[in-house]
Amino acid sequence: MTTMIKNFKPSEVMSFADQVIYQEGQVVSKTLAQDKYHSLTLFAFEKGEEISTHASSGDALVIALDGEGLVTIDGQEFKLEAGDSILMPSGVPHAIYAPERFKMFLVVSF
């Protein structure tokens, strides 16, 4: 059996947020799938860590899984907590900062 989703066990119930682990002083990422059409990635931000301002060639959907994150889109800041989501449109500058530990699932469509 082959799967398109990697780094994830098939046919097994598990906690999605637990599939990426916090590490001191780091932003940890775990890619589940990536091709020319989409990218699916789990992230764990230790408190105080960030992804600096950049723009993507695809629409990026952030789904908060744990903790608290601040997403800045085109200079406007949004607070996300577990269960929240926000769309970062393609070509628009955005950044992510974790004032507290923060886990998120990022879905990018190109």
PDB file of N, CA and C in Angstrom:
ATOM      1  N   MET A   1       0.840  -1.173   0.000  1.00  0.00           N
ATOM      2  CA  MET A   1       0.000   0.000   0.000  1.00  0.00           C
ATOM      3  C   MET A   1       0.893   1.248   0.000  1.00  0.00           C
ATOM      4  N   THR A   2       0.633   2.153  -0.917  1.00  0.00           N
ATOM      5  CA  THR A   2       1.342   3.423  -0.928  1.00  0.00           C
ATOM      6  C   THR A   2       0.342   4.532  -0.603  1.00  0.00           C
ATOM      7  N   THR A   3       0.831   5.569   0.055  1.00  0.00           N
ATOM      8  CA  THR A   3      -0.027   6.701   0.399  1.00  0.00           C
ATOM      9  C   THR A   3       0.605   7.985  -0.114  1.00  0.00           C
ATOM     10  N   MET A   4      -0.221   8.963  -0.397  1.00  0.00           N
ATOM     11  CA  MET A   4       0.254  10.274  -0.838  1.00  0.00           C
ATOM     12  C   MET A   4       0.680  11.121   0.364  1.00  0.00           C
ATOM     13  N   ILE A   5       0.127  10.797   1.528  1.00  0.00           N
ATOM     14  CA  ILE A   5       0.470  11.492   2.771  1.00  0.00           C
ATOM     15  C   ILE A   5       1.623  10.735   3.417  1.00  0.00           C
ATOM     16  N   LYS A   6       2.720  11.448   3.713  1.00  0.00           N
ATOM     17  CA  LYS A   6       3.868  10.799   4.342  1.00  0.00           C
ATOM     18  C   LYS A   6       3.971  11.249   5.805  1.00  0.00           C
ATOM     19  N   ASN A   7       4.807  10.579   6.558  1.00  0.00           N
ATOM     20  CA  ASN A   7       5.061  10.913   7.963  1.00  0.00           C
ATOM     21  C   ASN A   7       3.816  10.842   8.823  1.00  0.00           C
ATOM     22  N   PHE A   8       2.879   9.977   8.445  1.00  0.00           N
ATOM     23  CA  PHE A   8       1.624   9.829   9.171  1.00  0.00           C
ATOM     24  C   PHE A   8       1.173   8.383   9.002  1.00  0.00           C
ATOM     25  N   LYS A   9       0.849   7.709  10.094  1.00  0.00           N
ATOM     26  CA  LYS A   9       0.470   6.302  10.020  1.00  0.00           C
ATOM     27  C   LYS A   9      -0.949   6.144   9.482  1.00  0.00           C
ATOM     28  N   PRO A  10      -1.120   5.310   8.439  1.00  0.00           N
ATOM     29  CA  PRO A  10      -2.468   5.079   7.918  1.00  0.00           C
ATOM     30  C   PRO A  10      -3.275   4.146   8.813  1.00  0.00           C
ATOM     31  N   SER A  11      -4.572   4.288   8.750  1.00  0.00           N
ATOM     32  CA  SER A  11      -5.514   3.402   9.449  1.00  0.00           C
ATOM     33  C   SER A  11      -5.252   3.329  10.952  1.00  0.00           C
ATOM     34  N   GLU A  12      -4.913   4.463  11.541  1.00  0.00           N
ATOM     35  CA  GLU A  12      -4.673   4.514  12.987  1.00  0.00           C
ATOM     36  C   GLU A  12      -5.183   5.852  13.530  1.00  0.00           C
ATOM     37  N   VAL A  13      -6.020   5.773  14.555  1.00  0.00           N
ATOM     38  CA  VAL A  13      -6.525   6.995  15.188  1.00  0.00           C
ATOM     39  C   VAL A  13      -5.431   7.574  16.069  1.00  0.00           C
ATOM     40  N   MET A  14      -5.175   8.880  15.908  1.00  0.00           N
ATOM     41  CA  MET A  14      -4.142   9.535  16.711  1.00  0.00           C
ATOM     42  C   MET A  14      -4.477  11.008  16.875  1.00  0.00           C
ATOM     43  N   SER A  15      -3.818  11.651  17.821  1.00  0.00           N
ATOM     44  CA  SER A  15      -3.980  13.088  18.012  1.00  0.00           C
ATOM     45  C   SER A  15      -3.186  13.820  16.944  1.00  0.00           C
ATOM     46  N   PHE A  16      -3.868  14.650  16.159  1.00  0.00           N
ATOM     47  CA  PHE A  16      -3.209  15.382  15.074  1.00  0.00           C
ATOM     48  C   PHE A  16      -2.140  16.316  15.630  1.00  0.00           C
ATOM     49  N   ALA A  17      -2.470  17.069  16.665  1.00  0.00           N
ATOM     50  CA  ALA A  17      -1.521  18.040  17.248  1.00  0.00           C
ATOM     51  C   ALA A  17      -0.274  17.350  17.805  1.00  0.00           C
ATOM     52  N   ASP A  18      -0.403  16.118  18.251  1.00  0.00           N
ATOM     53  CA  ASP A  18       0.742  15.405  18.832  1.00  0.00           C
ATOM     54  C   ASP A  18       1.719  14.881  17.776  1.00  0.00           C
ATOM     55  N   GLN A  19       1.413  15.055  16.508  1.00  0.00           N
ATOM     56  CA  GLN A  19       2.291  14.555  15.447  1.00  0.00           C
ATOM     57  C   GLN A  19       3.498  15.444  15.194  1.00  0.00           C
ATOM     58  N   VAL A  20       3.545  16.597  15.857  1.00  0.00           N
ATOM     59  CA  VAL A  20       4.714  17.475  15.803  1.00  0.00           C
ATOM     60  C   VAL A  20       5.006  17.902  17.240  1.00  0.00           C
ATOM     61  N   ILE A  21       6.286  17.895  17.619  1.00  0.00           N
ATOM     62  CA  ILE A  21       6.690  18.094  19.011  1.00  0.00           C
ATOM     63  C   ILE A  21       7.425  19.422  19.180  1.00  0.00           C
ATOM     64  N   TYR A  22       7.107  20.124  20.255  1.00  0.00           N
ATOM     65  CA  TYR A  22       7.829  21.353  20.589  1.00  0.00           C
ATOM     66  C   TYR A  22       9.286  21.034  20.894  1.00  0.00           C
ATOM     67  N   GLN A  23      10.197  21.919  20.455  1.00  0.00           N
ATOM     68  CA  GLN A  23      11.613  21.800  20.787  1.00  0.00           C
ATOM     69  C   GLN A  23      12.125  23.182  21.159  1.00  0.00           C
ATOM     70  N   GLU A  24      12.865  23.252  22.247  1.00  0.00           N
ATOM     71  CA  GLU A  24      13.341  24.520  22.777  1.00  0.00           C
ATOM     72  C   GLU A  24      14.088  25.331  21.721  1.00  0.00           C
ATOM     73  N   GLY A  25      13.691  26.615  21.579  1.00  0.00           N
ATOM     74  CA  GLY A  25      14.370  27.535  20.688  1.00  0.00           C
ATOM     75  C   GLY A  25      14.170  27.280  19.206  1.00  0.00           C
ATOM     76  N   GLN A  26      13.129  26.518  18.842  1.00  0.00           N
ATOM     77  CA  GLN A  26      12.965  26.134  17.438  1.00  0.00           C
ATOM     78  C   GLN A  26      11.533  26.258  16.938  1.00  0.00           C
ATOM     79  N   VAL A  27      11.429  26.352  15.638  1.00  0.00           N
ATOM     80  CA  VAL A  27      10.176  26.119  14.924  1.00  0.00           C
ATOM     81  C   VAL A  27      10.364  24.766  14.252  1.00  0.00           C
ATOM     82  N   VAL A  28       9.548  23.805  14.635  1.00  0.00           N
ATOM     83  CA  VAL A  28       9.653  22.454  14.087  1.00  0.00           C
ATOM     84  C   VAL A  28       8.559  22.272  13.044  1.00  0.00           C
ATOM     85  N   SER A  29       8.917  21.718  11.898  1.00  0.00           N
ATOM     86  CA  SER A  29       7.915  21.446  10.867  1.00  0.00           C
ATOM     87  C   SER A  29       7.958  19.977  10.470  1.00  0.00           C
ATOM     88  N   LYS A  30       6.790  19.485  10.070  1.00  0.00           N
ATOM     89  CA  LYS A  30       6.667  18.102   9.606  1.00  0.00           C
ATOM     90  C   LYS A  30       5.792  18.118   8.357  1.00  0.00           C
ATOM     91  N   THR A  31       6.390  17.870   7.218  1.00  0.00           N
ATOM     92  CA  THR A  31       5.672  17.886   5.952  1.00  0.00           C
ATOM     93  C   THR A  31       4.906  16.577   5.785  1.00  0.00           C
ATOM     94  N   LEU A  32       3.615  16.705   5.482  1.00  0.00           N
ATOM     95  CA  LEU A  32       2.784  15.529   5.252  1.00  0.00           C
ATOM     96  C   LEU A  32       2.606  15.253   3.766  1.00  0.00           C
ATOM     97  N   ALA A  33       2.576  16.310   2.953  1.00  0.00           N
ATOM     98  CA  ALA A  33       2.471  16.152   1.499  1.00  0.00           C
ATOM     99  C   ALA A  33       2.916  17.447   0.837  1.00  0.00           C
ATOM    100  N   GLN A  34       3.538  17.304  -0.340  1.00  0.00           N
ATOM    101  CA  GLN A  34       3.962  18.491  -1.063  1.00  0.00           C
ATOM    102  C   GLN A  34       4.144  18.142  -2.535  1.00  0.00           C
ATOM    103  N   ASP A  35       3.522  18.949  -3.401  1.00  0.00           N
ATOM    104  CA  ASP A  35       3.726  18.840  -4.838  1.00  0.00           C
ATOM    105  C   ASP A  35       3.450  20.201  -5.455  1.00  0.00           C
ATOM    106  N   LYS A  36       3.326  20.263  -6.770  1.00  0.00           N
ATOM    107  CA  LYS A  36       3.163  21.567  -7.422  1.00  0.00           C
ATOM    108  C   LYS A  36       1.789  22.180  -7.181  1.00  0.00           C
ATOM    109  N   TYR A  37       0.852  21.418  -6.606  1.00  0.00           N
ATOM    110  CA  TYR A  37      -0.500  21.916  -6.370  1.00  0.00           C
ATOM    111  C   TYR A  37      -0.790  22.284  -4.921  1.00  0.00           C
ATOM    112  N   HIS A  38      -0.111  21.621  -3.988  1.00  0.00           N
ATOM    113  CA  HIS A  38      -0.396  21.860  -2.577  1.00  0.00           C
ATOM    114  C   HIS A  38       0.769  21.481  -1.675  1.00  0.00           C
ATOM    115  N   SER A  39       0.682  21.970  -0.444  1.00  0.00           N
ATOM    116  CA  SER A  39       1.646  21.621   0.598  1.00  0.00           C
ATOM    117  C   SER A  39       0.879  21.504   1.903  1.00  0.00           C
ATOM    118  N   LEU A  40       1.100  20.415   2.630  1.00  0.00           N
ATOM    119  CA  LEU A  40       0.452  20.172   3.919  1.00  0.00           C
ATOM    120  C   LEU A  40       1.549  20.003   4.967  1.00  0.00           C
ATOM    121  N   THR A  41       1.595  20.910   5.947  1.00  0.00           N
ATOM    122  CA  THR A  41       2.692  20.898   6.914  1.00  0.00           C
ATOM    123  C   THR A  41       2.189  21.199   8.317  1.00  0.00           C
ATOM    124  N   LEU A  42       2.651  20.420   9.278  1.00  0.00           N
ATOM    125  CA  LEU A  42       2.409  20.677  10.698  1.00  0.00           C
ATOM    126  C   LEU A  42       3.573  21.494  11.244  1.00  0.00           C
ATOM    127  N   PHE A  43       3.283  22.440  12.124  1.00  0.00           N
ATOM    128  CA  PHE A  43       4.315  23.266  12.755  1.00  0.00           C
ATOM    129  C   PHE A  43       4.133  23.296  14.263  1.00  0.00           C
ATOM    130  N   ALA A  44       5.256  23.338  14.988  1.00  0.00           N
ATOM    131  CA  ALA A  44       5.268  23.581  16.434  1.00  0.00           C
ATOM    132  C   ALA A  44       6.271  24.696  16.695  1.00  0.00           C
ATOM    133  N   PHE A  45       5.777  25.823  17.203  1.00  0.00           N
ATOM    134  CA  PHE A  45       6.608  26.983  17.520  1.00  0.00           C
ATOM    135  C   PHE A  45       6.840  27.021  19.022  1.00  0.00           C
ATOM    136  N   GLU A  46       8.080  27.031  19.436  1.00  0.00           N
ATOM    137  CA  GLU A  46       8.373  27.257  20.860  1.00  0.00           C
ATOM    138  C   GLU A  46       8.063  28.722  21.150  1.00  0.00           C
ATOM    139  N   LYS A  47       7.759  29.016  22.387  1.00  0.00           N
ATOM    140  CA  LYS A  47       7.450  30.387  22.808  1.00  0.00           C
ATOM    141  C   LYS A  47       8.539  31.343  22.326  1.00  0.00           C
ATOM    142  N   GLY A  48       8.114  32.450  21.681  1.00  0.00           N
ATOM    143  CA  GLY A  48       9.044  33.470  21.202  1.00  0.00           C
ATOM    144  C   GLY A  48       9.601  33.237  19.811  1.00  0.00           C
ATOM    145  N   GLU A  49       9.284  32.105  19.201  1.00  0.00           N
ATOM    146  CA  GLU A  49       9.796  31.802  17.861  1.00  0.00           C
ATOM    147  C   GLU A  49       8.859  32.356  16.788  1.00  0.00           C
ATOM    148  N   GLU A  50       9.386  32.499  15.567  1.00  0.00           N
ATOM    149  CA  GLU A  50       8.586  33.087  14.502  1.00  0.00           C
ATOM    150  C   GLU A  50       9.044  32.632  13.124  1.00  0.00           C
ATOM    151  N   ILE A  51       8.169  32.871  12.157  1.00  0.00           N
ATOM    152  CA  ILE A  51       8.517  32.821  10.743  1.00  0.00           C
ATOM    153  C   ILE A  51       8.374  34.263  10.286  1.00  0.00           C
ATOM    154  N   SER A  52       9.464  34.848   9.827  1.00  0.00           N
ATOM    155  CA  SER A  52       9.476  36.275   9.492  1.00  0.00           C
ATOM    156  C   SER A  52       8.648  36.568   8.242  1.00  0.00           C
ATOM    157  N   THR A  53       8.418  37.834   8.012  1.00  0.00           N
ATOM    158  CA  THR A  53       7.567  38.293   6.919  1.00  0.00           C
ATOM    159  C   THR A  53       8.076  37.797   5.567  1.00  0.00           C
ATOM    160  N   HIS A  54       7.156  37.235   4.810  1.00  0.00           N
ATOM    161  CA  HIS A  54       7.433  36.741   3.467  1.00  0.00           C
ATOM    162  C   HIS A  54       6.102  36.673   2.715  1.00  0.00           C
ATOM    163  N   ALA A  55       6.135  36.354   1.444  1.00  0.00           N
ATOM    164  CA  ALA A  55       4.924  36.143   0.647  1.00  0.00           C
ATOM    165  C   ALA A  55       5.027  34.782  -0.024  1.00  0.00           C
ATOM    166  N   SER A  56       3.884  34.180  -0.263  1.00  0.00           N
ATOM    167  CA  SER A  56       3.823  32.862  -0.890  1.00  0.00           C
ATOM    168  C   SER A  56       3.135  32.980  -2.248  1.00  0.00           C
ATOM    169  N   SER A  57       3.474  32.072  -3.136  1.00  0.00           N
ATOM    170  CA  SER A  57       2.823  32.051  -4.444  1.00  0.00           C
ATOM    171  C   SER A  57       1.495  31.294  -4.403  1.00  0.00           C
ATOM    172  N   GLY A  58       1.123  30.795  -3.220  1.00  0.00           N
ATOM    173  CA  GLY A  58      -0.151  30.093  -3.056  1.00  0.00           C
ATOM    174  C   GLY A  58      -0.953  30.652  -1.908  1.00  0.00           C
ATOM    175  N   ASP A  59      -2.254  30.371  -1.901  1.00  0.00           N
ATOM    176  CA  ASP A  59      -3.093  30.714  -0.759  1.00  0.00           C
ATOM    177  C   ASP A  59      -2.744  29.772   0.384  1.00  0.00           C
ATOM    178  N   ALA A  60      -2.542  30.344   1.585  1.00  0.00           N
ATOM    179  CA  ALA A  60      -2.107  29.555   2.738  1.00  0.00           C
ATOM    180  C   ALA A  60      -3.154  29.616   3.847  1.00  0.00           C
ATOM    181  N   LEU A  61      -3.699  28.471   4.199  1.00  0.00           N
ATOM    182  CA  LEU A  61      -4.692  28.356   5.257  1.00  0.00           C
ATOM    183  C   LEU A  61      -4.009  27.871   6.528  1.00  0.00           C
ATOM    184  N   VAL A  62      -4.095  28.659   7.601  1.00  0.00           N
ATOM    185  CA  VAL A  62      -3.544  28.284   8.900  1.00  0.00           C
ATOM    186  C   VAL A  62      -4.685  27.773   9.770  1.00  0.00           C
ATOM    187  N   ILE A  63      -4.506  26.594  10.354  1.00  0.00           N
ATOM    188  CA  ILE A  63      -5.467  26.028  11.294  1.00  0.00           C
ATOM    189  C   ILE A  63      -4.728  25.840  12.613  1.00  0.00           C
ATOM    190  N   ALA A  64      -5.121  26.600  13.637  1.00  0.00           N
ATOM    191  CA  ALA A  64      -4.463  26.537  14.940  1.00  0.00           C
ATOM    192  C   ALA A  64      -4.867  25.255  15.667  1.00  0.00           C
ATOM    193  N   LEU A  65      -3.874  24.556  16.219  1.00  0.00           N
ATOM    194  CA  LEU A  65      -4.112  23.283  16.898  1.00  0.00           C
ATOM    195  C   LEU A  65      -3.893  23.351  18.400  1.00  0.00           C
ATOM    196  N   ASP A  66      -2.984  24.233  18.841  1.00  0.00           N
ATOM    197  CA  ASP A  66      -2.626  24.293  20.252  1.00  0.00           C
ATOM    198  C   ASP A  66      -1.978  25.641  20.541  1.00  0.00           C
ATOM    199  N   GLY A  67      -2.183  26.171  21.733  1.00  0.00           N
ATOM    200  CA  GLY A  67      -1.505  27.384  22.158  1.00  0.00           C
ATOM    201  C   GLY A  67      -2.054  28.640  21.522  1.00  0.00           C
ATOM    202  N   GLU A  68      -1.149  29.606  21.350  1.00  0.00           N
ATOM    203  CA  GLU A  68      -1.527  30.921  20.826  1.00  0.00           C
ATOM    204  C   GLU A  68      -0.513  31.403  19.812  1.00  0.00           C
ATOM    205  N   GLY A  69      -1.013  31.890  18.673  1.00  0.00           N
ATOM    206  CA  GLY A  69      -0.141  32.430  17.639  1.00  0.00           C
ATOM    207  C   GLY A  69      -0.648  33.766  17.151  1.00  0.00           C
ATOM    208  N   LEU A  70       0.265  34.599  16.727  1.00  0.00           N
ATOM    209  CA  LEU A  70      -0.080  35.883  16.130  1.00  0.00           C
ATOM    210  C   LEU A  70       0.295  35.819  14.656  1.00  0.00           C
ATOM    211  N   VAL A  71      -0.699  36.013  13.812  1.00  0.00           N
ATOM    212  CA  VAL A  71      -0.501  36.001  12.368  1.00  0.00           C
ATOM    213  C   VAL A  71      -0.650  37.437  11.878  1.00  0.00           C
ATOM    214  N   THR A  72       0.354  37.916  11.173  1.00  0.00           N
ATOM    215  CA  THR A  72       0.300  39.248  10.586  1.00  0.00           C
ATOM    216  C   THR A  72       0.147  39.096   9.083  1.00  0.00           C
ATOM    217  N   ILE A  73      -0.908  39.725   8.540  1.00  0.00           N
ATOM    218  CA  ILE A  73      -1.179  39.679   7.104  1.00  0.00           C
ATOM    219  C   ILE A  73      -1.255  41.109   6.605  1.00  0.00           C
ATOM    220  N   ASP A  74      -0.336  41.475   5.730  1.00  0.00           N
ATOM    221  CA  ASP A  74      -0.308  42.815   5.144  1.00  0.00           C
ATOM    222  C   ASP A  74      -0.368  43.904   6.227  1.00  0.00           C
ATOM    223  N   GLY A  75       0.395  43.676   7.316  1.00  0.00           N
ATOM    224  CA  GLY A  75       0.504  44.647   8.393  1.00  0.00           C
ATOM    225  C   GLY A  75      -0.574  44.569   9.457  1.00  0.00           C
ATOM    226  N   GLN A  76      -1.609  43.745   9.264  1.00  0.00           N
ATOM    227  CA  GLN A  76      -2.677  43.606  10.258  1.00  0.00           C
ATOM    228  C   GLN A  76      -2.468  42.328  11.064  1.00  0.00           C
ATOM    229  N   GLU A  77      -2.541  42.438  12.399  1.00  0.00           N
ATOM    230  CA  GLU A  77      -2.268  41.305  13.285  1.00  0.00           C
ATOM    231  C   GLU A  77      -3.562  40.622  13.735  1.00  0.00           C
ATOM    232  N   PHE A  78      -3.511  39.284  13.752  1.00  0.00           N
ATOM    233  CA  PHE A  78      -4.651  38.464  14.161  1.00  0.00           C
ATOM    234  C   PHE A  78      -4.172  37.439  15.198  1.00  0.00           C
ATOM    235  N   LYS A  79      -4.924  37.281  16.282  1.00  0.00           N
ATOM    236  CA  LYS A  79      -4.600  36.291  17.316  1.00  0.00           C
ATOM    237  C   LYS A  79      -5.360  35.006  17.014  1.00  0.00           C
ATOM    238  N   LEU A  80      -4.639  33.875  17.019  1.00  0.00           N
ATOM    239  CA  LEU A  80      -5.252  32.566  16.801  1.00  0.00           C
ATOM    240  C   LEU A  80      -5.037  31.684  18.013  1.00  0.00           C
ATOM    241  N   GLU A  81      -6.069  30.935  18.369  1.00  0.00           N
ATOM    242  CA  GLU A  81      -6.004  29.920  19.418  1.00  0.00           C
ATOM    243  C   GLU A  81      -6.547  28.623  18.838  1.00  0.00           C
ATOM    244  N   ALA A  82      -6.368  27.534  19.553  1.00  0.00           N
ATOM    245  CA  ALA A  82      -6.790  26.216  19.075  1.00  0.00           C
ATOM    246  C   ALA A  82      -8.215  26.263  18.535  1.00  0.00           C
ATOM    247  N   GLY A  83      -8.386  25.766  17.312  1.00  0.00           N
ATOM    248  CA  GLY A  83      -9.684  25.740  16.663  1.00  0.00           C
ATOM    249  C   GLY A  83      -9.906  26.892  15.704  1.00  0.00           C
ATOM    250  N   ASP A  84      -9.089  27.947  15.803  1.00  0.00           N
ATOM    251  CA  ASP A  84      -9.213  29.092  14.904  1.00  0.00           C
ATOM    252  C   ASP A  84      -8.479  28.822  13.594  1.00  0.00           C
ATOM    253  N   SER A  85      -8.874  29.548  12.553  1.00  0.00           N
ATOM    254  CA  SER A  85      -8.173  29.454  11.275  1.00  0.00           C
ATOM    255  C   SER A  85      -8.200  30.811  10.585  1.00  0.00           C
ATOM    256  N   ILE A  86      -7.265  30.983   9.657  1.00  0.00           N
ATOM    257  CA  ILE A  86      -7.185  32.220   8.881  1.00  0.00           C
ATOM    258  C   ILE A  86      -6.528  31.924   7.545  1.00  0.00           C
ATOM    259  N   LEU A  87      -6.966  32.649   6.512  1.00  0.00           N
ATOM    260  CA  LEU A  87      -6.409  32.490   5.181  1.00  0.00           C
ATOM    261  C   LEU A  87      -5.430  33.625   4.896  1.00  0.00           C
ATOM    262  N   MET A  88      -4.230  33.263   4.504  1.00  0.00           N
ATOM    263  CA  MET A  88      -3.220  34.234   4.083  1.00  0.00           C
ATOM    264  C   MET A  88      -3.174  34.166   2.556  1.00  0.00           C
ATOM    265  N   PRO A  89      -3.703  35.199   1.869  1.00  0.00           N
ATOM    266  CA  PRO A  89      -3.792  35.144   0.404  1.00  0.00           C
ATOM    267  C   PRO A  89      -2.422  35.146  -0.278  1.00  0.00           C
ATOM    268  N   SER A  90      -2.357  34.537  -1.439  1.00  0.00           N
ATOM    269  CA  SER A  90      -1.105  34.493  -2.193  1.00  0.00           C
ATOM    270  C   SER A  90      -0.631  35.900  -2.533  1.00  0.00           C
ATOM    271  N   GLY A  91       0.676  36.074  -2.521  1.00  0.00           N
ATOM    272  CA  GLY A  91       1.285  37.339  -2.894  1.00  0.00           C
ATOM    273  C   GLY A  91       1.229  38.427  -1.837  1.00  0.00           C
ATOM    274  N   VAL A  92       0.555  38.179  -0.706  1.00  0.00           N
ATOM    275  CA  VAL A  92       0.412  39.177   0.352  1.00  0.00           C
ATOM    276  C   VAL A  92       1.421  38.863   1.465  1.00  0.00           C
ATOM    277  N   PRO A  93       2.214  39.856   1.901  1.00  0.00           N
ATOM    278  CA  PRO A  93       3.188  39.607   2.968  1.00  0.00           C
ATOM    279  C   PRO A  93       2.504  39.137   4.255  1.00  0.00           C
ATOM    280  N   HIS A  94       3.115  38.128   4.876  1.00  0.00           N
ATOM    281  CA  HIS A  94       2.573  37.609   6.136  1.00  0.00           C
ATOM    282  C   HIS A  94       3.711  37.056   6.995  1.00  0.00           C
ATOM    283  N   ALA A  95       3.423  36.936   8.296  1.00  0.00           N
ATOM    284  CA  ALA A  95       4.391  36.410   9.259  1.00  0.00           C
ATOM    285  C   ALA A  95       3.625  35.712  10.369  1.00  0.00           C
ATOM    286  N   ILE A  96       4.320  34.853  11.125  1.00  0.00           N
ATOM    287  CA  ILE A  96       3.710  34.148  12.248  1.00  0.00           C
ATOM    288  C   ILE A  96       4.661  34.225  13.437  1.00  0.00           C
ATOM    289  N   TYR A  97       4.111  34.607  14.586  1.00  0.00           N
ATOM    290  CA  TYR A  97       4.885  34.730  15.822  1.00  0.00           C
ATOM    291  C   TYR A  97       4.147  33.985  16.931  1.00  0.00           C
ATOM    292  N   ALA A  98       4.906  33.330  17.801  1.00  0.00           N
ATOM    293  CA  ALA A  98       4.313  32.575  18.907  1.00  0.00           C
ATOM    294  C   ALA A  98       4.636  33.244  20.248  1.00  0.00           C
ATOM    295  N   PRO A  99       3.703  34.055  20.789  1.00  0.00           N
ATOM    296  CA  PRO A  99       3.929  34.640  22.109  1.00  0.00           C
ATOM    297  C   PRO A  99       3.904  33.571  23.204  1.00  0.00           C
ATOM    298  N   GLU A 100       3.257  32.466  22.912  1.00  0.00           N
ATOM    299  CA  GLU A 100       3.231  31.255  23.730  1.00  0.00           C
ATOM    300  C   GLU A 100       3.480  30.088  22.780  1.00  0.00           C
ATOM    301  N   ARG A 101       3.710  28.916  23.319  1.00  0.00           N
ATOM    302  CA  ARG A 101       3.854  27.752  22.437  1.00  0.00           C
ATOM    303  C   ARG A 101       2.643  27.683  21.515  1.00  0.00           C
ATOM    304  N   PHE A 102       2.891  27.290  20.254  1.00  0.00           N
ATOM    305  CA  PHE A 102       1.835  27.319  19.250  1.00  0.00           C
ATOM    306  C   PHE A 102       2.042  26.208  18.237  1.00  0.00           C
ATOM    307  N   LYS A 103       0.976  25.445  17.991  1.00  0.00           N
ATOM    308  CA  LYS A 103       1.001  24.425  16.937  1.00  0.00           C
ATOM    309  C   LYS A 103      -0.054  24.777  15.905  1.00  0.00           C
ATOM    310  N   MET A 104       0.296  24.545  14.645  1.00  0.00           N
ATOM    311  CA  MET A 104      -0.644  24.839  13.569  1.00  0.00           C
ATOM    312  C   MET A 104      -0.462  23.859  12.425  1.00  0.00           C
ATOM    313  N   PHE A 105      -1.524  23.745  11.629  1.00  0.00           N
ATOM    314  CA  PHE A 105      -1.501  22.975  10.395  1.00  0.00           C
ATOM    315  C   PHE A 105      -1.606  23.982   9.265  1.00  0.00           C
ATOM    316  N   LEU A 106      -0.691  23.917   8.324  1.00  0.00           N
ATOM    317  CA  LEU A 106      -0.654  24.848   7.201  1.00  0.00           C
ATOM    318  C   LEU A 106      -0.994  24.101   5.908  1.00  0.00           C
ATOM    319  N   VAL A 107      -2.023  24.590   5.216  1.00  0.00           N
ATOM    320  CA  VAL A 107      -2.423  24.025   3.933  1.00  0.00           C
ATOM    321  C   VAL A 107      -2.212  25.126   2.898  1.00  0.00           C
ATOM    322  N   VAL A 108      -1.326  24.882   1.928  1.00  0.00           N
ATOM    323  CA  VAL A 108      -1.067  25.865   0.879  1.00  0.00           C
ATOM    324  C   VAL A 108      -1.530  25.266  -0.454  1.00  0.00           C
ATOM    325  N   SER A 109      -2.361  26.039  -1.163  1.00  0.00           N
ATOM    326  CA  SER A 109      -2.817  25.630  -2.504  1.00  0.00           C
ATOM    327  C   SER A 109      -2.181  26.558  -3.529  1.00  0.00           C
ATOM    328  N   PHE A 110      -1.499  25.966  -4.508  1.00  0.00           N
ATOM    329  CA  PHE A 110      -0.806  26.733  -5.546  1.00  0.00           C
ATOM    330  C   PHE A 110      -1.611  26.754  -6.833  1.00  0.00           C
TER     331      PHE A 110
END
